Amino acid sequence: MDFKKCNRCGSFYLSDGDVCPKCNTKDTFELSTFKKYIEKHGTDFSINEISQKLGIQVSNLNRYLGYKELSEYAKDFMPSKKNL
């Protein structure tokens, strides 16, 4: 285990995950919500639009795109005209 800083709340904790144990449930729920949204609607909307629709912070959506299970979609959210 490593001493880490939570990507959600900024607290320090001992664990192997990206977020502290207090934030883990919400993080897992939001990741699942984002994954289901992309599977249903694709990547036609920008990260900012999806953030507004789902109520999930852009920083968390970008972090989720770095996860192996969603990495195939990351290229679809690269800066382009649709994101401007």
N, C-alpha and C. Protein backbone atom coordinates (compact mmCIF):
# COMPACT_ATOMS: atom_id res chain seq x y z
N MET A 1 0.83 -1.19 0.00
CA MET A 1 0.00 0.00 0.00
C MET A 1 0.87 1.25 0.00
N ASP A 2 0.37 2.27 -0.65
CA ASP A 2 1.08 3.53 -0.72
C ASP A 2 0.28 4.63 -0.03
N PHE A 3 0.98 5.64 0.44
CA PHE A 3 0.36 6.83 0.99
C PHE A 3 0.02 7.73 -0.19
N LYS A 4 -1.27 7.98 -0.43
CA LYS A 4 -1.70 8.72 -1.61
C LYS A 4 -2.62 9.88 -1.25
N LYS A 5 -2.84 10.74 -2.24
CA LYS A 5 -3.79 11.85 -2.11
C LYS A 5 -4.99 11.51 -2.99
N CYS A 6 -6.18 11.57 -2.43
CA CYS A 6 -7.42 11.23 -3.14
C CYS A 6 -7.64 12.17 -4.31
N ASN A 7 -7.96 11.61 -5.47
CA ASN A 7 -8.24 12.41 -6.66
C ASN A 7 -9.57 13.14 -6.59
N ARG A 8 -10.42 12.79 -5.67
CA ARG A 8 -11.72 13.44 -5.54
C ARG A 8 -11.73 14.52 -4.47
N CYS A 9 -11.32 14.17 -3.24
CA CYS A 9 -11.48 15.11 -2.12
C CYS A 9 -10.16 15.71 -1.64
N GLY A 10 -9.04 15.14 -2.06
CA GLY A 10 -7.74 15.67 -1.66
C GLY A 10 -7.20 15.15 -0.34
N SER A 11 -7.96 14.29 0.33
CA SER A 11 -7.49 13.71 1.59
C SER A 11 -6.35 12.72 1.33
N PHE A 12 -5.50 12.56 2.32
CA PHE A 12 -4.45 11.56 2.23
C PHE A 12 -4.96 10.25 2.82
N TYR A 13 -4.54 9.13 2.24
CA TYR A 13 -5.02 7.83 2.69
C TYR A 13 -4.01 6.75 2.33
N LEU A 14 -4.16 5.59 2.94
CA LEU A 14 -3.35 4.42 2.60
C LEU A 14 -4.23 3.43 1.85
N SER A 15 -3.89 3.18 0.59
CA SER A 15 -4.67 2.25 -0.22
C SER A 15 -3.99 2.07 -1.56
N ASP A 16 -4.54 1.21 -2.38
CA ASP A 16 -4.01 0.99 -3.71
C ASP A 16 -4.83 1.70 -4.79
N GLY A 17 -6.00 2.21 -4.48
CA GLY A 17 -6.87 2.85 -5.46
C GLY A 17 -6.54 4.30 -5.71
N ASP A 18 -7.30 4.93 -6.64
CA ASP A 18 -7.11 6.34 -6.98
C ASP A 18 -7.83 7.28 -6.03
N VAL A 19 -8.79 6.74 -5.28
CA VAL A 19 -9.58 7.57 -4.37
C VAL A 19 -9.60 6.95 -2.98
N CYS A 20 -9.87 7.79 -1.98
CA CYS A 20 -9.91 7.30 -0.60
C CYS A 20 -11.14 6.42 -0.38
N PRO A 21 -11.13 5.63 0.67
CA PRO A 21 -12.27 4.76 0.96
C PRO A 21 -13.60 5.51 1.08
N LYS A 22 -13.57 6.76 1.61
CA LYS A 22 -14.81 7.54 1.74
C LYS A 22 -15.40 7.90 0.37
N CYS A 23 -14.56 8.13 -0.61
CA CYS A 23 -15.01 8.55 -1.94
C CYS A 23 -15.23 7.38 -2.90
N ASN A 24 -14.80 6.20 -2.51
CA ASN A 24 -14.83 5.05 -3.41
C ASN A 24 -16.23 4.73 -3.93
N THR A 25 -17.24 4.74 -3.08
CA THR A 25 -18.60 4.39 -3.50
C THR A 25 -19.11 5.37 -4.56
N LYS A 26 -18.95 6.66 -4.30
CA LYS A 26 -19.41 7.67 -5.26
C LYS A 26 -18.62 7.57 -6.56
N ASP A 27 -17.33 7.35 -6.47
CA ASP A 27 -16.49 7.25 -7.65
C ASP A 27 -16.90 6.05 -8.51
N THR A 28 -17.15 4.93 -7.87
CA THR A 28 -17.58 3.72 -8.58
C THR A 28 -18.93 3.96 -9.26
N PHE A 29 -19.85 4.63 -8.57
CA PHE A 29 -21.16 4.93 -9.14
C PHE A 29 -21.03 5.84 -10.36
N GLU A 30 -20.23 6.90 -10.25
CA GLU A 30 -20.07 7.83 -11.36
C GLU A 30 -19.38 7.18 -12.54
N LEU A 31 -18.39 6.33 -12.29
CA LEU A 31 -17.72 5.61 -13.37
C LEU A 31 -18.73 4.73 -14.10
N SER A 32 -19.55 4.02 -13.37
CA SER A 32 -20.58 3.17 -13.97
C SER A 32 -21.58 3.99 -14.77
N THR A 33 -22.00 5.12 -14.23
CA THR A 33 -22.94 6.00 -14.93
C THR A 33 -22.35 6.51 -16.23
N PHE A 34 -21.10 6.93 -16.21
CA PHE A 34 -20.41 7.43 -17.41
C PHE A 34 -20.26 6.32 -18.44
N LYS A 35 -19.87 5.15 -18.00
CA LYS A 35 -19.69 4.02 -18.91
C LYS A 35 -21.02 3.66 -19.59
N LYS A 36 -22.10 3.60 -18.83
CA LYS A 36 -23.42 3.29 -19.39
C LYS A 36 -23.85 4.37 -20.37
N TYR A 37 -23.57 5.64 -20.04
CA TYR A 37 -23.93 6.74 -20.93
C TYR A 37 -23.23 6.61 -22.27
N ILE A 38 -21.93 6.35 -22.24
CA ILE A 38 -21.17 6.22 -23.49
C ILE A 38 -21.66 5.01 -24.30
N GLU A 39 -21.93 3.91 -23.62
CA GLU A 39 -22.40 2.72 -24.33
C GLU A 39 -23.75 2.96 -24.98
N LYS A 40 -24.59 3.77 -24.37
CA LYS A 40 -25.92 4.04 -24.91
C LYS A 40 -25.92 5.16 -25.96
N HIS A 41 -25.17 6.24 -25.69
CA HIS A 41 -25.23 7.43 -26.54
C HIS A 41 -24.00 7.65 -27.40
N GLY A 42 -22.96 6.89 -27.18
CA GLY A 42 -21.73 7.09 -27.93
C GLY A 42 -20.99 8.34 -27.47
N THR A 43 -20.15 8.85 -28.33
CA THR A 43 -19.30 9.98 -27.98
C THR A 43 -19.61 11.20 -28.84
N ASP A 44 -20.87 11.39 -29.14
CA ASP A 44 -21.29 12.51 -29.99
C ASP A 44 -21.25 13.85 -29.25
N PHE A 45 -21.21 13.83 -27.94
CA PHE A 45 -21.21 15.06 -27.16
C PHE A 45 -19.83 15.29 -26.57
N SER A 46 -19.53 16.54 -26.27
CA SER A 46 -18.24 16.87 -25.65
C SER A 46 -18.23 16.44 -24.19
N ILE A 47 -17.05 16.39 -23.63
CA ILE A 47 -16.91 16.07 -22.20
C ILE A 47 -17.67 17.09 -21.36
N ASN A 48 -17.63 18.36 -21.74
CA ASN A 48 -18.35 19.39 -20.99
C ASN A 48 -19.85 19.16 -21.03
N GLU A 49 -20.39 18.79 -22.19
CA GLU A 49 -21.83 18.52 -22.30
C GLU A 49 -22.22 17.30 -21.47
N ILE A 50 -21.41 16.25 -21.53
CA ILE A 50 -21.69 15.04 -20.75
C ILE A 50 -21.62 15.36 -19.26
N SER A 51 -20.65 16.16 -18.87
CA SER A 51 -20.51 16.56 -17.47
C SER A 51 -21.78 17.25 -16.99
N GLN A 52 -22.31 18.16 -17.79
CA GLN A 52 -23.53 18.88 -17.42
C GLN A 52 -24.72 17.94 -17.36
N LYS A 53 -24.83 17.02 -18.31
CA LYS A 53 -25.96 16.10 -18.33
C LYS A 53 -25.95 15.14 -17.16
N LEU A 54 -24.75 14.64 -16.80
CA LEU A 54 -24.64 13.62 -15.76
C LEU A 54 -24.36 14.19 -14.37
N GLY A 55 -23.92 15.44 -14.30
CA GLY A 55 -23.57 16.02 -13.01
C GLY A 55 -22.27 15.48 -12.45
N ILE A 56 -21.37 15.08 -13.33
CA ILE A 56 -20.06 14.55 -12.93
C ILE A 56 -19.01 15.56 -13.38
N GLN A 57 -18.07 15.89 -12.51
CA GLN A 57 -17.04 16.86 -12.84
C GLN A 57 -16.21 16.41 -14.04
N VAL A 58 -15.83 17.38 -14.86
CA VAL A 58 -15.01 17.11 -16.05
C VAL A 58 -13.71 16.41 -15.64
N SER A 59 -13.11 16.85 -14.55
CA SER A 59 -11.84 16.24 -14.12
C SER A 59 -12.01 14.74 -13.83
N ASN A 60 -13.15 14.36 -13.26
CA ASN A 60 -13.39 12.94 -13.00
C ASN A 60 -13.66 12.19 -14.30
N LEU A 61 -14.40 12.79 -15.22
CA LEU A 61 -14.65 12.13 -16.51
C LEU A 61 -13.33 11.89 -17.24
N ASN A 62 -12.46 12.88 -17.24
CA ASN A 62 -11.15 12.71 -17.89
C ASN A 62 -10.33 11.63 -17.20
N ARG A 63 -10.41 11.55 -15.89
CA ARG A 63 -9.70 10.50 -15.16
C ARG A 63 -10.23 9.13 -15.53
N TYR A 64 -11.55 9.01 -15.64
CA TYR A 64 -12.16 7.73 -16.02
C TYR A 64 -11.72 7.30 -17.41
N LEU A 65 -11.54 8.25 -18.31
CA LEU A 65 -11.09 7.91 -19.67
C LEU A 65 -9.69 7.33 -19.68
N GLY A 66 -8.94 7.53 -18.63
CA GLY A 66 -7.62 6.93 -18.50
C GLY A 66 -7.66 5.50 -18.00
N TYR A 67 -8.81 5.05 -17.53
CA TYR A 67 -8.95 3.68 -17.05
C TYR A 67 -9.01 2.73 -18.24
N LYS A 68 -8.47 1.56 -18.07
CA LYS A 68 -8.40 0.58 -19.16
C LYS A 68 -9.78 0.31 -19.79
N GLU A 69 -10.80 0.21 -18.98
CA GLU A 69 -12.14 -0.13 -19.48
C GLU A 69 -12.76 0.96 -20.35
N LEU A 70 -12.27 2.19 -20.26
CA LEU A 70 -12.80 3.28 -21.08
C LEU A 70 -11.76 3.91 -22.00
N SER A 71 -10.55 3.40 -21.98
CA SER A 71 -9.47 4.02 -22.74
C SER A 71 -9.73 4.03 -24.24
N GLU A 72 -10.52 3.10 -24.74
CA GLU A 72 -10.82 3.08 -26.17
C GLU A 72 -11.63 4.32 -26.61
N TYR A 73 -12.29 4.98 -25.69
CA TYR A 73 -13.09 6.16 -26.01
C TYR A 73 -12.31 7.46 -25.87
N ALA A 74 -11.16 7.42 -25.22
CA ALA A 74 -10.39 8.64 -24.93
C ALA A 74 -10.07 9.43 -26.19
N LYS A 75 -9.72 8.76 -27.26
CA LYS A 75 -9.37 9.46 -28.51
C LYS A 75 -10.56 10.23 -29.07
N ASP A 76 -11.77 9.78 -28.78
CA ASP A 76 -12.96 10.46 -29.28
C ASP A 76 -13.21 11.80 -28.58
N PHE A 77 -12.55 12.02 -27.46
CA PHE A 77 -12.73 13.26 -26.71
C PHE A 77 -11.52 14.18 -26.81
N MET A 78 -10.63 13.89 -27.73
CA MET A 78 -9.50 14.79 -27.95
C MET A 78 -10.05 16.13 -28.43
N PRO A 79 -9.36 17.23 -28.12
CA PRO A 79 -9.85 18.54 -28.55
C PRO A 79 -10.12 18.58 -30.06
N SER A 80 -11.30 19.02 -30.37
CA SER A 80 -11.70 19.17 -31.77
C SER A 80 -12.73 20.28 -31.84
N LYS A 81 -13.28 20.49 -33.00
CA LYS A 81 -14.29 21.54 -33.17
C LYS A 81 -15.52 21.29 -32.30
N LYS A 82 -15.88 20.03 -32.07
CA LYS A 82 -17.07 19.77 -31.26
C LYS A 82 -16.87 20.15 -29.79
N ASN A 83 -15.63 20.22 -29.33
CA ASN A 83 -15.34 20.58 -27.95
C ASN A 83 -15.14 22.06 -27.75
N LEU A 84 -15.11 22.85 -28.80
CA LEU A 84 -14.88 24.28 -28.68
C LEU A 84 -16.16 25.05 -28.47
